[in-house]
C-alpha atoms as a PDB file:
ATOM      1  CA  MET A   1       3.103 -16.476  -3.774  1.00  0.00           C
ATOM      2  CA  GLN A   2      -0.451 -14.970  -3.188  1.00  0.00           C
ATOM      3  CA  TYR A   3      -1.781 -13.120  -0.309  1.00  0.00           C
ATOM      4  CA  SER A   4      -4.864 -11.552   0.949  1.00  0.00           C
ATOM      5  CA  GLY A   5      -5.441  -8.115   2.774  1.00  0.00           C
ATOM      6  CA  SER A   6      -7.953  -5.899   4.414  1.00  0.00           C
ATOM      7  CA  CYS A   7      -8.321  -3.178   6.256  1.00  0.00           C
ATOM      8  CA  GLN A   8      -9.620  -3.603  10.204  1.00  0.00           C
ATOM      9  CA  CYS A   9     -13.227  -3.598   9.556  1.00  0.00           C
ATOM     10  CA  GLY A  10     -12.914  -5.710   6.174  1.00  0.00           C
ATOM     11  CA  GLN A  11     -14.853  -3.369   4.088  1.00  0.00           C
ATOM     12  CA  VAL A  12     -11.727  -3.041   1.915  1.00  0.00           C
ATOM     13  CA  ALA A  13     -10.064  -6.369   0.857  1.00  0.00           C
ATOM     14  CA  PHE A  14      -7.846  -7.308  -1.799  1.00  0.00           C
ATOM     15  CA  ASP A  15      -5.707 -10.238  -3.395  1.00  0.00           C
ATOM     16  CA  VAL A  16      -2.068  -9.578  -4.224  1.00  0.00           C
ATOM     17  CA  GLU A  17       0.507 -11.638  -5.985  1.00  0.00           C
ATOM     18  CA  GLY A  18       4.379 -11.734  -5.769  1.00  0.00           C
ATOM     19  CA  GLU A  19       6.919 -12.209  -3.685  1.00  0.00           C
ATOM     20  CA  ILE A  20       7.732  -9.838  -0.945  1.00  0.00           C
ATOM     21  CA  ASP A  21      11.453  -9.210  -0.850  1.00  0.00           C
ATOM     22  CA  SER A  22      11.732  -6.144   1.171  1.00  0.00           C
ATOM     23  CA  GLY A  23       9.335  -3.287   2.490  1.00  0.00           C
ATOM     24  CA  LEU A  24       9.895   0.090   2.022  1.00  0.00           C
ATOM     25  CA  ALA A  25       9.692   2.665   5.249  1.00  0.00           C
ATOM     26  CA  CYS A  26       9.356   6.166   4.003  1.00  0.00           C
ATOM     27  CA  ASN A  27       9.382   9.389   6.537  1.00  0.00           C
ATOM     28  CA  CYS A  28       7.162  11.594   4.196  1.00  0.00           C
ATOM     29  CA  SER A  29       4.627  13.659   5.964  1.00  0.00           C
ATOM     30  CA  MET A  30       2.220  10.863   5.161  1.00  0.00           C
ATOM     31  CA  CYS A  31       3.944   7.864   5.618  1.00  0.00           C
ATOM     32  CA  GLY A  32       5.688   8.934   8.875  1.00  0.00           C
ATOM     33  CA  LYS A  33       2.647   9.707  10.546  1.00  0.00           C
ATOM     34  CA  ARG A  34       0.622   6.305   9.340  1.00  0.00           C
ATOM     35  CA  GLY A  35       3.334   4.204  10.034  1.00  0.00           C
ATOM     36  CA  SER A  36       2.966   1.701   6.573  1.00  0.00           C
ATOM     37  CA  LEU A  37       5.538  -0.545   5.441  1.00  0.00           C
ATOM     38  CA  LEU A  38       5.086  -0.497   1.659  1.00  0.00           C
ATOM     39  CA  TRP A  39       5.692  -3.378  -1.069  1.00  0.00           C
ATOM     40  CA  PHE A  40       5.579  -2.135  -4.627  1.00  0.00           C
ATOM     41  CA  VAL A  41       4.208  -4.560  -7.294  1.00  0.00           C
ATOM     42  CA  PRO A  42       2.489  -3.949 -10.727  1.00  0.00           C
ATOM     43  CA  ARG A  43      -0.833  -2.816 -10.343  1.00  0.00           C
ATOM     44  CA  GLU A  44      -2.632  -5.640 -12.117  1.00  0.00           C
ATOM     45  CA  LYS A  45      -1.171  -7.777  -9.597  1.00  0.00           C
ATOM     46  CA  LEU A  46      -3.655  -6.527  -6.822  1.00  0.00           C
ATOM     47  CA  VAL A  47      -7.206  -7.622  -7.404  1.00  0.00           C
ATOM     48  CA  LEU A  48     -10.114  -6.258  -5.393  1.00  0.00           C
ATOM     49  CA  LYS A  49     -12.390  -8.398  -3.589  1.00  0.00           C
ATOM     50  CA  THR A  50     -14.880  -5.471  -2.892  1.00  0.00           C
ATOM     51  CA  PRO A  51     -16.186  -2.878  -4.639  1.00  0.00           C
ATOM     52  CA  GLU A  52     -13.940   0.423  -5.277  1.00  0.00           C
ATOM     53  CA  ALA A  53     -16.630   2.649  -3.997  1.00  0.00           C
ATOM     54  CA  ASP A  54     -16.108   1.430  -0.340  1.00  0.00           C
ATOM     55  CA  MET A  55     -12.455   2.927  -0.914  1.00  0.00           C
ATOM     56  CA  ALA A  56     -11.462   6.462   0.048  1.00  0.00           C
ATOM     57  CA  THR A  57      -8.975   7.933  -1.683  1.00  0.00           C
ATOM     58  CA  TYR A  58      -6.262  11.165  -0.647  1.00  0.00           C
ATOM     59  CA  THR A  59      -3.520  12.498  -2.606  1.00  0.00           C
ATOM     60  CA  PHE A  60      -1.246  15.460  -1.524  1.00  0.00           C
ATOM     61  CA  ASN A  61       2.057  17.198  -2.604  1.00  0.00           C
ATOM     62  CA  LYS A  62       2.264  16.574  -6.360  1.00  0.00           C
ATOM     63  CA  HIS A  63      -0.768  14.741  -6.439  1.00  0.00           C
ATOM     64  CA  HIS A  64       0.720  11.743  -8.437  1.00  0.00           C
ATOM     65  CA  ILE A  65       0.152   9.079  -5.719  1.00  0.00           C
ATOM     66  CA  GLN A  66      -3.494   8.214  -4.890  1.00  0.00           C
ATOM     67  CA  HIS A  67      -3.347   6.747  -1.235  1.00  0.00           C
ATOM     68  CA  ARG A  68      -6.622   4.255  -0.828  1.00  0.00           C
ATOM     69  CA  PHE A  69      -8.149   3.942   2.398  1.00  0.00           C
ATOM     70  CA  CYS A  70     -11.064   2.604   4.347  1.00  0.00           C
ATOM     71  CA  ASP A  71     -13.838   5.494   4.668  1.00  0.00           C
ATOM     72  CA  LYS A  72     -15.146   3.403   7.679  1.00  0.00           C
ATOM     73  CA  CYS A  73     -11.873   2.297   9.733  1.00  0.00           C
ATOM     74  CA  GLY A  74      -9.304   4.890   8.372  1.00  0.00           C
ATOM     75  CA  ILE A  75      -6.757   1.703   7.253  1.00  0.00           C
ATOM     76  CA  HIS A  76      -4.394   2.632   4.793  1.00  0.00           C
ATOM     77  CA  VAL A  77      -4.483  -0.418   2.692  1.00  0.00           C
ATOM     78  CA  PHE A  78      -2.657   0.872  -0.653  1.00  0.00           C
ATOM     79  CA  GLY A  79      -1.304   3.367  -3.116  1.00  0.00           C
ATOM     80  CA  GLU A  80      -1.434   3.594  -6.743  1.00  0.00           C
ATOM     81  CA  ALA A  81       0.827   5.518  -9.047  1.00  0.00           C
ATOM     82  CA  ASN A  82       2.841   5.182 -12.274  1.00  0.00           C
ATOM     83  CA  ASP A  83       6.282   4.100 -11.949  1.00  0.00           C
ATOM     84  CA  PRO A  84       9.542   6.417 -13.664  1.00  0.00           C
ATOM     85  CA  LYS A  85       8.647   4.287 -16.904  1.00  0.00           C
ATOM     86  CA  GLY A  86       4.998   4.619 -16.919  1.00  0.00           C
ATOM     87  CA  ASN A  87       3.816   1.470 -15.762  1.00  0.00           C
ATOM     88  CA  PRO A  88       0.938   1.494 -12.981  1.00  0.00           C
ATOM     89  CA  VAL A  89       2.030   0.375  -9.564  1.00  0.00           C
ATOM     90  CA  ALA A  90       0.258  -0.359  -6.074  1.00  0.00           C
ATOM     91  CA  ALA A  91       2.346   0.370  -3.148  1.00  0.00           C
ATOM     92  CA  VAL A  92       0.599  -2.192  -0.569  1.00  0.00           C
ATOM     93  CA  ASN A  93       0.835  -1.778   2.930  1.00  0.00           C
ATOM     94  CA  LEU A  94       2.280  -4.825   4.241  1.00  0.00           C
ATOM     95  CA  ARG A  95       0.795  -4.386   7.688  1.00  0.00           C
ATOM     96  CA  VAL A  96      -2.445  -5.184   6.502  1.00  0.00           C
ATOM     97  CA  LEU A  97      -1.833  -8.760   4.750  1.00  0.00           C
ATOM     98  CA  ASP A  98      -2.390 -12.121   6.238  1.00  0.00           C
ATOM     99  CA  GLY A  99       0.041 -14.141   7.548  1.00  0.00           C
ATOM    100  CA  VAL A 100       3.009 -12.330   6.615  1.00  0.00           C
ATOM    101  CA  ASP A 101       5.854 -12.276   9.388  1.00  0.00           C
ATOM    102  CA  LEU A 102       7.138  -8.704   9.058  1.00  0.00           C
ATOM    103  CA  SER A 103       9.891  -9.639  11.396  1.00  0.00           C
ATOM    104  CA  THR A 104      11.617 -11.563   8.650  1.00  0.00           C
ATOM    105  CA  ILE A 105      11.107  -8.792   6.048  1.00  0.00           C
ATOM    106  CA  PRO A 106      14.132  -6.727   5.134  1.00  0.00           C
ATOM    107  CA  VAL A 107      13.448  -2.928   5.379  1.00  0.00           C
ATOM    108  CA  HIS A 108      14.895  -0.178   3.511  1.00  0.00           C
ATOM    109  CA  ASN A 109      14.506   3.543   4.747  1.00  0.00           C
ATOM    110  CA  TYR A 110      13.407   6.060   2.384  1.00  0.00           C
ATOM    111  CA  ASP A 111      14.042   9.753   2.889  1.00  0.00           C
ATOM    112  CA  GLY A 112      10.588  10.843   1.549  1.00  0.00           C
ATOM    113  CA  ARG A 113      11.115  14.118   3.313  1.00  0.00           C
ATOM    114  CA  ALA A 114      13.803  15.067   1.393  1.00  0.00           C
ATOM    115  CA  LEU A 115      11.695  15.286  -2.096  1.00  0.00           C
END
């Protein structure tokens, strides 16, 4: 399936391809405060429709994950990192995808605070 997503103001927009089988709710200091619901896809499946310069990036803790958000409206759209095998992965915020009924998606809770 092909999905489109964007921040609140539309400055950051993207398309992403894949099957949404579940979402991940993390309770780390970042995810717990922003309330994102994450879906992991290979990074090449996410295609920006707007310039990368329209995004801001935040890293914390071990600085492995680049948290991408709009520098205008502040909405977190996705994160980027490498999986344990070194493959580039995008953690898409399901809440920014158009036409997705979140109530139909199983949610797995992850204890990020324990890391």
